[in-house]
Amino acid sequence: MMKMIYERGLDHQDAAESLGVSPSRVSQMHAVVVQKLKRRLKDW
């Protein structure tokens, strides 16, 4: 999902359609990944 958004340039709607989930679910997954990255970078 992150590759779809950042490498392929898809928006949440298009990523959601590709994954078979809702755009709100893509937003939720995106937020979780961003928070995990922030925590890991903070500890780095």
PDB file of N, CA and C in Angstrom:
ATOM      1  N   MET A   1       0.819  -1.170   0.000  1.00  0.00           N
ATOM      2  CA  MET A   1       0.000   0.000   0.000  1.00  0.00           C
ATOM      3  C   MET A   1       0.872   1.246   0.000  1.00  0.00           C
ATOM      4  N   MET A   2       1.925   1.260   0.771  1.00  0.00           N
ATOM      5  CA  MET A   2       2.799   2.433   0.799  1.00  0.00           C
ATOM      6  C   MET A   2       3.489   2.617  -0.554  1.00  0.00           C
ATOM      7  N   LYS A   3       3.883   1.517  -1.172  1.00  0.00           N
ATOM      8  CA  LYS A   3       4.494   1.620  -2.504  1.00  0.00           C
ATOM      9  C   LYS A   3       3.503   2.186  -3.510  1.00  0.00           C
ATOM     10  N   MET A   4       2.262   1.764  -3.407  1.00  0.00           N
ATOM     11  CA  MET A   4       1.238   2.271  -4.320  1.00  0.00           C
ATOM     12  C   MET A   4       1.118   3.790  -4.201  1.00  0.00           C
ATOM     13  N   ILE A   5       1.143   4.271  -2.982  1.00  0.00           N
ATOM     14  CA  ILE A   5       0.952   5.700  -2.743  1.00  0.00           C
ATOM     15  C   ILE A   5       2.210   6.499  -3.077  1.00  0.00           C
ATOM     16  N   TYR A   6       3.372   6.033  -2.588  1.00  0.00           N
ATOM     17  CA  TYR A   6       4.578   6.843  -2.710  1.00  0.00           C
ATOM     18  C   TYR A   6       5.407   6.565  -3.957  1.00  0.00           C
ATOM     19  N   GLU A   7       5.442   5.333  -4.437  1.00  0.00           N
ATOM     20  CA  GLU A   7       6.223   5.041  -5.639  1.00  0.00           C
ATOM     21  C   GLU A   7       5.395   5.180  -6.906  1.00  0.00           C
ATOM     22  N   ARG A   8       4.177   4.686  -6.863  1.00  0.00           N
ATOM     23  CA  ARG A   8       3.337   4.727  -8.063  1.00  0.00           C
ATOM     24  C   ARG A   8       2.479   5.980  -8.136  1.00  0.00           C
ATOM     25  N   GLY A   9       2.396   6.717  -7.044  1.00  0.00           N
ATOM     26  CA  GLY A   9       1.662   7.973  -7.038  1.00  0.00           C
ATOM     27  C   GLY A   9       0.149   7.839  -6.996  1.00  0.00           C
ATOM     28  N   LEU A  10      -0.345   6.693  -6.523  1.00  0.00           N
ATOM     29  CA  LEU A  10      -1.793   6.519  -6.431  1.00  0.00           C
ATOM     30  C   LEU A  10      -2.342   7.296  -5.238  1.00  0.00           C
ATOM     31  N   ASP A  11      -3.572   7.765  -5.366  1.00  0.00           N
ATOM     32  CA  ASP A  11      -4.220   8.364  -4.207  1.00  0.00           C
ATOM     33  C   ASP A  11      -4.890   7.246  -3.404  1.00  0.00           C
ATOM     34  N   HIS A  12      -5.449   7.604  -2.267  1.00  0.00           N
ATOM     35  CA  HIS A  12      -6.052   6.584  -1.396  1.00  0.00           C
ATOM     36  C   HIS A  12      -7.203   5.856  -2.088  1.00  0.00           C
ATOM     37  N   GLN A  13      -7.959   6.554  -2.880  1.00  0.00           N
ATOM     38  CA  GLN A  13      -9.083   5.938  -3.598  1.00  0.00           C
ATOM     39  C   GLN A  13      -8.586   4.849  -4.544  1.00  0.00           C
ATOM     40  N   ASP A  14      -7.572   5.167  -5.353  1.00  0.00           N
ATOM     41  CA  ASP A  14      -7.054   4.191  -6.313  1.00  0.00           C
ATOM     42  C   ASP A  14      -6.372   3.020  -5.614  1.00  0.00           C
ATOM     43  N   ALA A  15      -5.631   3.310  -4.554  1.00  0.00           N
ATOM     44  CA  ALA A  15      -4.996   2.235  -3.788  1.00  0.00           C
ATOM     45  C   ALA A  15      -6.067   1.326  -3.182  1.00  0.00           C
ATOM     46  N   ALA A  16      -7.134   1.921  -2.684  1.00  0.00           N
ATOM     47  CA  ALA A  16      -8.227   1.147  -2.086  1.00  0.00           C
ATOM     48  C   ALA A  16      -8.862   0.219  -3.106  1.00  0.00           C
ATOM     49  N   GLU A  17      -9.107   0.728  -4.298  1.00  0.00           N
ATOM     50  CA  GLU A  17      -9.695  -0.107  -5.349  1.00  0.00           C
ATOM     51  C   GLU A  17      -8.777  -1.273  -5.699  1.00  0.00           C
ATOM     52  N   SER A  18      -7.475  -1.021  -5.779  1.00  0.00           N
ATOM     53  CA  SER A  18      -6.519  -2.089  -6.094  1.00  0.00           C
ATOM     54  C   SER A  18      -6.480  -3.155  -5.008  1.00  0.00           C
ATOM     55  N   LEU A  19      -6.641  -2.724  -3.762  1.00  0.00           N
ATOM     56  CA  LEU A  19      -6.565  -3.652  -2.631  1.00  0.00           C
ATOM     57  C   LEU A  19      -7.910  -4.277  -2.270  1.00  0.00           C
ATOM     58  N   GLY A  20      -8.983  -3.729  -2.815  1.00  0.00           N
ATOM     59  CA  GLY A  20     -10.306  -4.251  -2.492  1.00  0.00           C
ATOM     60  C   GLY A  20     -10.798  -3.847  -1.117  1.00  0.00           C
ATOM     61  N   VAL A  21     -10.359  -2.673  -0.665  1.00  0.00           N
ATOM     62  CA  VAL A  21     -10.802  -2.154   0.630  1.00  0.00           C
ATOM     63  C   VAL A  21     -11.330  -0.737   0.424  1.00  0.00           C
ATOM     64  N   SER A  22     -11.842  -0.140   1.484  1.00  0.00           N
ATOM     65  CA  SER A  22     -12.368   1.224   1.378  1.00  0.00           C
ATOM     66  C   SER A  22     -11.227   2.239   1.482  1.00  0.00           C
ATOM     67  N   PRO A  23     -11.439   3.428   0.939  1.00  0.00           N
ATOM     68  CA  PRO A  23     -10.427   4.477   1.086  1.00  0.00           C
ATOM     69  C   PRO A  23     -10.155   4.827   2.556  1.00  0.00           C
ATOM     70  N   SER A  24     -11.177   4.728   3.393  1.00  0.00           N
ATOM     71  CA  SER A  24     -10.951   5.012   4.812  1.00  0.00           C
ATOM     72  C   SER A  24     -10.034   3.969   5.442  1.00  0.00           C
ATOM     73  N   ARG A  25     -10.139   2.726   4.975  1.00  0.00           N
ATOM     74  CA  ARG A  25      -9.243   1.679   5.480  1.00  0.00           C
ATOM     75  C   ARG A  25      -7.810   1.958   5.043  1.00  0.00           C
ATOM     76  N   VAL A  26      -7.626   2.414   3.814  1.00  0.00           N
ATOM     77  CA  VAL A  26      -6.284   2.776   3.347  1.00  0.00           C
ATOM     78  C   VAL A  26      -5.734   3.903   4.222  1.00  0.00           C
ATOM     79  N   SER A  27      -6.556   4.875   4.537  1.00  0.00           N
ATOM     80  CA  SER A  27      -6.125   5.979   5.406  1.00  0.00           C
ATOM     81  C   SER A  27      -5.715   5.471   6.782  1.00  0.00           C
ATOM     82  N   GLN A  28      -6.484   4.538   7.318  1.00  0.00           N
ATOM     83  CA  GLN A  28      -6.146   3.961   8.623  1.00  0.00           C
ATOM     84  C   GLN A  28      -4.820   3.220   8.564  1.00  0.00           C
ATOM     85  N   MET A  29      -4.639   2.386   7.544  1.00  0.00           N
ATOM     86  CA  MET A  29      -3.395   1.624   7.404  1.00  0.00           C
ATOM     87  C   MET A  29      -2.216   2.571   7.226  1.00  0.00           C
ATOM     88  N   HIS A  30      -2.407   3.606   6.419  1.00  0.00           N
ATOM     89  CA  HIS A  30      -1.357   4.589   6.177  1.00  0.00           C
ATOM     90  C   HIS A  30      -0.950   5.259   7.491  1.00  0.00           C
ATOM     91  N   ALA A  31      -1.919   5.653   8.289  1.00  0.00           N
ATOM     92  CA  ALA A  31      -1.638   6.312   9.565  1.00  0.00           C
ATOM     93  C   ALA A  31      -0.850   5.402  10.503  1.00  0.00           C
ATOM     94  N   VAL A  32      -1.198   4.127  10.541  1.00  0.00           N
ATOM     95  CA  VAL A  32      -0.488   3.171  11.398  1.00  0.00           C
ATOM     96  C   VAL A  32       0.967   3.042  10.952  1.00  0.00           C
ATOM     97  N   VAL A  33       1.187   2.915   9.657  1.00  0.00           N
ATOM     98  CA  VAL A  33       2.548   2.767   9.142  1.00  0.00           C
ATOM     99  C   VAL A  33       3.369   4.025   9.429  1.00  0.00           C
ATOM    100  N   VAL A  34       2.786   5.186   9.215  1.00  0.00           N
ATOM    101  CA  VAL A  34       3.501   6.440   9.470  1.00  0.00           C
ATOM    102  C   VAL A  34       3.874   6.550  10.950  1.00  0.00           C
ATOM    103  N   GLN A  35       2.971   6.191  11.843  1.00  0.00           N
ATOM    104  CA  GLN A  35       3.270   6.239  13.276  1.00  0.00           C
ATOM    105  C   GLN A  35       4.396   5.274  13.642  1.00  0.00           C
ATOM    106  N   LYS A  36       4.379   4.075  13.059  1.00  0.00           N
ATOM    107  CA  LYS A  36       5.447   3.105  13.325  1.00  0.00           C
ATOM    108  C   LYS A  36       6.788   3.628  12.826  1.00  0.00           C
ATOM    109  N   LEU A  37       6.793   4.231  11.652  1.00  0.00           N
ATOM    110  CA  LEU A  37       8.030   4.799  11.115  1.00  0.00           C
ATOM    111  C   LEU A  37       8.548   5.925  12.005  1.00  0.00           C
ATOM    112  N   LYS A  38       7.657   6.779  12.471  1.00  0.00           N
ATOM    113  CA  LYS A  38       8.066   7.871  13.355  1.00  0.00           C
ATOM    114  C   LYS A  38       8.706   7.335  14.628  1.00  0.00           C
ATOM    115  N   ARG A  39       8.098   6.298  15.212  1.00  0.00           N
ATOM    116  CA  ARG A  39       8.647   5.714  16.437  1.00  0.00           C
ATOM    117  C   ARG A  39      10.022   5.111  16.189  1.00  0.00           C
ATOM    118  N   ARG A  40      10.162   4.397  15.073  1.00  0.00           N
ATOM    119  CA  ARG A  40      11.450   3.769  14.772  1.00  0.00           C
ATOM    120  C   ARG A  40      12.527   4.807  14.501  1.00  0.00           C
ATOM    121  N   LEU A  41      12.175   5.862  13.787  1.00  0.00           N
ATOM    122  CA  LEU A  41      13.158   6.903  13.495  1.00  0.00           C
ATOM    123  C   LEU A  41      13.530   7.681  14.752  1.00  0.00           C
ATOM    124  N   LYS A  42      12.584   7.847  15.654  1.00  0.00           N
ATOM    125  CA  LYS A  42      12.855   8.539  16.911  1.00  0.00           C
ATOM    126  C   LYS A  42      13.886   7.770  17.733  1.00  0.00           C
ATOM    127  N   ASP A  43      13.790   6.451  17.713  1.00  0.00           N
ATOM    128  CA  ASP A  43      14.705   5.604  18.483  1.00  0.00           C
ATOM    129  C   ASP A  43      16.036   5.367  17.780  1.00  0.00           C
ATOM    130  N   TRP A  44      16.150   5.791  16.542  1.00  0.00           N
ATOM    131  CA  TRP A  44      17.337   5.499  15.746  1.00  0.00           C
ATOM    132  C   TRP A  44      18.468   6.355  16.075  1.00  0.00           C
TER     133      TRP A  44
END
